[in-house]
N, C-alpha and C. Protein backbone atom coordinates (compact mmCIF):
# COMPACT_ATOMS: atom_id res chain seq x y z
N UNK A 1 -12.37 2.51 23.28
CA UNK A 1 -12.64 1.89 22.05
C UNK A 1 -12.15 2.80 20.78
N UNK A 2 -11.02 2.13 20.10
CA UNK A 2 -10.41 2.81 18.78
C UNK A 2 -11.27 3.32 18.06
N UNK A 3 -11.39 4.79 17.63
CA UNK A 3 -12.03 5.34 16.67
C UNK A 3 -11.85 6.21 15.11
N UNK A 4 -10.45 5.30 15.48
CA UNK A 4 -9.67 5.95 14.02
C UNK A 4 -9.26 4.53 13.08
N UNK A 5 -8.86 4.79 11.66
CA UNK A 5 -8.24 3.34 11.38
C UNK A 5 -6.90 3.47 11.98
N UNK A 6 -6.16 4.29 11.98
CA UNK A 6 -4.98 4.67 12.39
C UNK A 6 -4.68 3.86 14.19
N UNK A 7 -6.06 4.60 15.27
CA UNK A 7 -5.96 3.99 16.25
C UNK A 7 -6.25 2.17 15.87
N UNK A 8 -6.96 1.51 15.51
CA UNK A 8 -7.57 0.65 15.43
C UNK A 8 -5.72 -0.73 14.73
N UNK A 9 -5.27 0.08 14.15
CA UNK A 9 -4.21 -0.13 13.55
C UNK A 9 -2.81 -0.49 14.62
N UNK A 10 -3.16 0.39 15.66
CA UNK A 10 -1.95 0.65 16.39
C UNK A 10 -2.35 -0.55 17.64
N UNK A 11 -3.71 -0.37 17.96
CA UNK A 11 -4.12 -1.20 19.16
C UNK A 11 -4.56 -2.83 19.03
N UNK A 12 -5.21 -2.88 17.24
CA UNK A 12 -5.32 -4.32 16.97
C UNK A 12 -4.53 -4.97 16.57
N UNK A 13 -4.14 -4.67 15.58
CA UNK A 13 -3.81 -5.52 14.08
C UNK A 13 -2.41 -5.16 14.05
N UNK A 14 -1.45 -4.32 14.95
CA UNK A 14 0.15 -4.56 14.60
C UNK A 14 0.58 -5.75 15.53
N UNK A 15 -0.23 -6.08 16.54
CA UNK A 15 -0.27 -7.16 17.19
C UNK A 15 -0.15 -8.59 16.85
N UNK A 16 -0.69 -8.93 15.53
CA UNK A 16 -1.23 -9.88 14.95
C UNK A 16 -0.12 -9.96 13.82
N UNK A 17 0.28 -11.32 13.81
CA UNK A 17 0.81 -11.98 13.20
C UNK A 17 1.10 -12.09 11.55
N UNK A 18 2.15 -11.94 10.85
CA UNK A 18 1.72 -11.45 9.84
C UNK A 18 0.49 -12.02 8.76
N UNK A 19 0.70 -13.29 8.78
CA UNK A 19 -0.28 -13.93 8.32
C UNK A 19 -1.50 -13.63 8.41
N UNK A 20 -1.69 -13.33 9.98
CA UNK A 20 -3.41 -12.91 10.43
C UNK A 20 -3.33 -11.84 9.72
N UNK A 21 -2.27 -10.28 9.51
CA UNK A 21 -2.95 -9.14 8.70
C UNK A 21 -3.18 -9.46 7.91
N UNK A 22 -2.40 -10.52 6.80
CA UNK A 22 -2.61 -10.32 5.21
C UNK A 22 -4.23 -10.91 4.74
N UNK A 23 -4.50 -11.82 6.32
CA UNK A 23 -5.84 -12.58 5.83
C UNK A 23 -6.94 -11.75 6.18
N UNK A 24 -6.47 -10.26 7.12
CA UNK A 24 -7.21 -9.64 7.40
C UNK A 24 -7.77 -8.39 5.86
N UNK A 25 -6.67 -7.76 5.78
CA UNK A 25 -6.20 -7.31 4.38
C UNK A 25 -7.41 -7.57 3.07
N UNK A 26 -6.58 -8.94 3.41
CA UNK A 26 -8.01 -9.71 1.95
C UNK A 26 -9.31 -9.46 2.22
N UNK A 27 -9.67 -9.41 3.45
CA UNK A 27 -11.04 -9.62 3.64
C UNK A 27 -11.60 -8.50 3.65
N UNK A 28 -10.91 -7.84 3.78
CA UNK A 28 -10.88 -6.07 3.86
C UNK A 28 -11.39 -5.83 2.39
N UNK A 29 -10.30 -5.74 0.89
CA UNK A 29 -10.15 -5.65 -0.04
C UNK A 29 -11.10 -6.64 -0.78
N UNK A 30 -11.53 -7.60 -0.51
CA UNK A 30 -12.68 -8.09 -1.49
C UNK A 30 -13.84 -7.97 -1.17
N UNK A 31 -13.83 -7.05 0.59
CA UNK A 31 -15.64 -7.00 0.68
C UNK A 31 -15.72 -5.76 -0.20
N UNK A 32 -15.06 -5.08 -0.34
CA UNK A 32 -14.81 -3.47 -0.41
C UNK A 32 -15.20 -3.94 -2.55
N UNK A 33 -14.24 -4.27 -2.71
CA UNK A 33 -14.78 -4.85 -4.37
C UNK A 33 -16.01 -5.31 -4.84
N UNK A 34 -16.35 -6.49 -3.81
CA UNK A 34 -17.67 -7.24 -4.12
C UNK A 34 -18.97 -5.95 -3.96
N UNK A 35 -19.02 -5.25 -2.66
CA UNK A 35 -19.58 -3.51 -2.24
C UNK A 35 -19.78 -2.94 -3.75
N UNK A 36 -18.83 -2.28 -4.22
CA UNK A 36 -18.84 -1.27 -5.05
C UNK A 36 -17.82 -1.29 -5.98
N UNK A 37 -17.83 -1.93 -6.78
CA UNK A 37 -16.58 -2.25 -7.81
C UNK A 37 -16.04 -0.68 -8.67
N UNK A 38 -17.03 0.37 -8.78
CA UNK A 38 -17.12 1.29 -9.35
C UNK A 38 -16.22 2.39 -8.62
N UNK A 39 -15.37 1.92 -7.68
CA UNK A 39 -14.78 2.87 -6.83
C UNK A 39 -13.52 2.02 -6.91
N UNK A 40 -12.49 1.32 -8.12
CA UNK A 40 -11.71 0.99 -8.66
C UNK A 40 -11.79 1.27 -9.99
N UNK A 41 -10.60 2.44 -9.96
CA UNK A 41 -10.20 2.98 -11.13
C UNK A 41 -9.30 2.07 -12.16
N UNK A 42 -10.12 1.20 -13.45
CA UNK A 42 -9.50 0.10 -14.13
C UNK A 42 -8.98 1.07 -14.92
N UNK A 43 -9.11 2.00 -15.20
CA UNK A 43 -7.65 2.64 -16.31
C UNK A 43 -6.70 2.36 -16.81
N UNK A 44 -6.34 1.86 -18.26
CA UNK A 44 -5.34 1.35 -18.05
C UNK A 44 -4.11 2.86 -18.78
N UNK A 45 -4.43 3.69 -18.51
CA UNK A 45 -3.56 5.17 -18.49
C UNK A 45 -3.30 5.35 -17.43
N UNK A 46 -1.87 5.68 -17.39
CA UNK A 46 -0.35 6.54 -16.42
C UNK A 46 -0.94 7.90 -16.32
N UNK A 47 -1.06 8.30 -15.65
CA UNK A 47 -1.29 9.98 -15.24
C UNK A 47 0.57 10.33 -15.02
N UNK A 48 0.82 11.67 -15.48
CA UNK A 48 1.77 12.32 -14.99
C UNK A 48 2.44 11.94 -13.52
N UNK A 49 1.55 12.07 -12.80
CA UNK A 49 1.49 11.79 -10.99
C UNK A 49 1.54 10.15 -11.33
N UNK A 50 1.19 9.72 -11.80
CA UNK A 50 1.70 7.63 -11.45
C UNK A 50 3.04 7.88 -11.84
N UNK A 51 3.20 8.17 -13.19
CA UNK A 51 4.57 7.85 -13.99
C UNK A 51 5.99 8.80 -12.33
N UNK A 52 5.96 9.94 -12.11
CA UNK A 52 6.39 10.44 -10.79
C UNK A 52 6.56 9.65 -9.62
N UNK A 53 5.68 9.08 -9.04
CA UNK A 53 5.33 8.18 -8.43
C UNK A 53 6.03 7.11 -8.43
N UNK A 54 6.37 5.87 -9.47
CA UNK A 54 7.01 5.23 -9.76
C UNK A 54 8.71 5.24 -9.94
N UNK A 55 8.54 6.30 -10.76
CA UNK A 55 9.66 6.32 -10.89
C UNK A 55 10.47 7.17 -9.59
N UNK A 56 9.85 8.14 -9.00
CA UNK A 56 10.14 7.90 -7.38
C UNK A 56 10.59 7.51 -6.57
N UNK A 57 9.63 6.03 -6.48
CA UNK A 57 9.86 5.16 -5.74
C UNK A 57 10.99 3.73 -5.99
N UNK A 58 11.29 4.02 -7.49
CA UNK A 58 12.44 2.79 -8.18
C UNK A 58 13.52 3.68 -7.90
N UNK A 59 14.09 4.71 -7.77
CA UNK A 59 14.98 5.44 -6.90
C UNK A 59 15.39 5.29 -5.93
N UNK A 60 14.51 5.59 -4.98
CA UNK A 60 14.23 5.41 -3.77
C UNK A 60 14.60 4.11 -3.48
N UNK A 61 13.72 3.47 -3.90
CA UNK A 61 14.15 1.19 -3.39
C UNK A 61 15.54 1.40 -4.44
N UNK A 62 16.19 1.84 -5.24
CA UNK A 62 17.63 1.80 -6.03
C UNK A 62 18.37 2.07 -4.88
N UNK A 63 17.98 3.21 -4.33
CA UNK A 63 19.49 3.91 -3.57
C UNK A 63 19.54 3.04 -2.21
N UNK A 64 18.43 2.22 -1.79
CA UNK A 64 18.27 1.38 -0.68
C UNK A 64 19.30 0.21 -0.68
N UNK A 65 19.36 -0.38 -2.26
CA UNK A 65 20.13 -1.75 -2.16
C UNK A 65 21.54 -1.60 -2.49
N UNK A 66 21.67 -0.34 -3.23
CA UNK A 66 22.67 0.15 -3.46
C UNK A 66 23.21 1.48 -3.18
N UNK A 67 23.58 1.50 -1.35
CA UNK A 67 23.50 2.78 -1.06
C UNK A 67 24.93 3.46 -0.74
N UNK A 68 26.11 2.45 -0.85
CA UNK A 68 27.46 3.41 -1.45
C UNK A 68 27.49 3.26 -2.74
N UNK A 69 26.86 3.06 -3.90
CA UNK A 69 27.36 3.65 -4.89
C UNK A 69 27.25 4.79 -5.46
N UNK A 70 28.20 5.59 -6.19
CA UNK A 70 28.04 6.76 -6.32
C UNK A 70 27.33 7.00 -7.85
N UNK A 71 26.49 8.00 -7.58
CA UNK A 71 25.59 8.22 -8.48
C UNK A 71 26.53 9.03 -9.90
N UNK A 72 25.68 8.82 -11.62
CA UNK A 72 26.56 9.61 -12.42
C UNK A 72 25.50 10.98 -12.64
């Protein structure tokens, strides 16, 4: 029996078709929201780390779209 989330994912979830994995994710997230909405940070403020993360992701994504482009 798998004992960690990674083991459960590797042994059970990964084999499911994408639609079933999305359905499972939806079930999990909906239950978490119903159980304890206080764990969800609903602030509109962006921390410096949030801004750094989004810039980093955006640059990585752009680089994957245009891998042969020269950066100026």
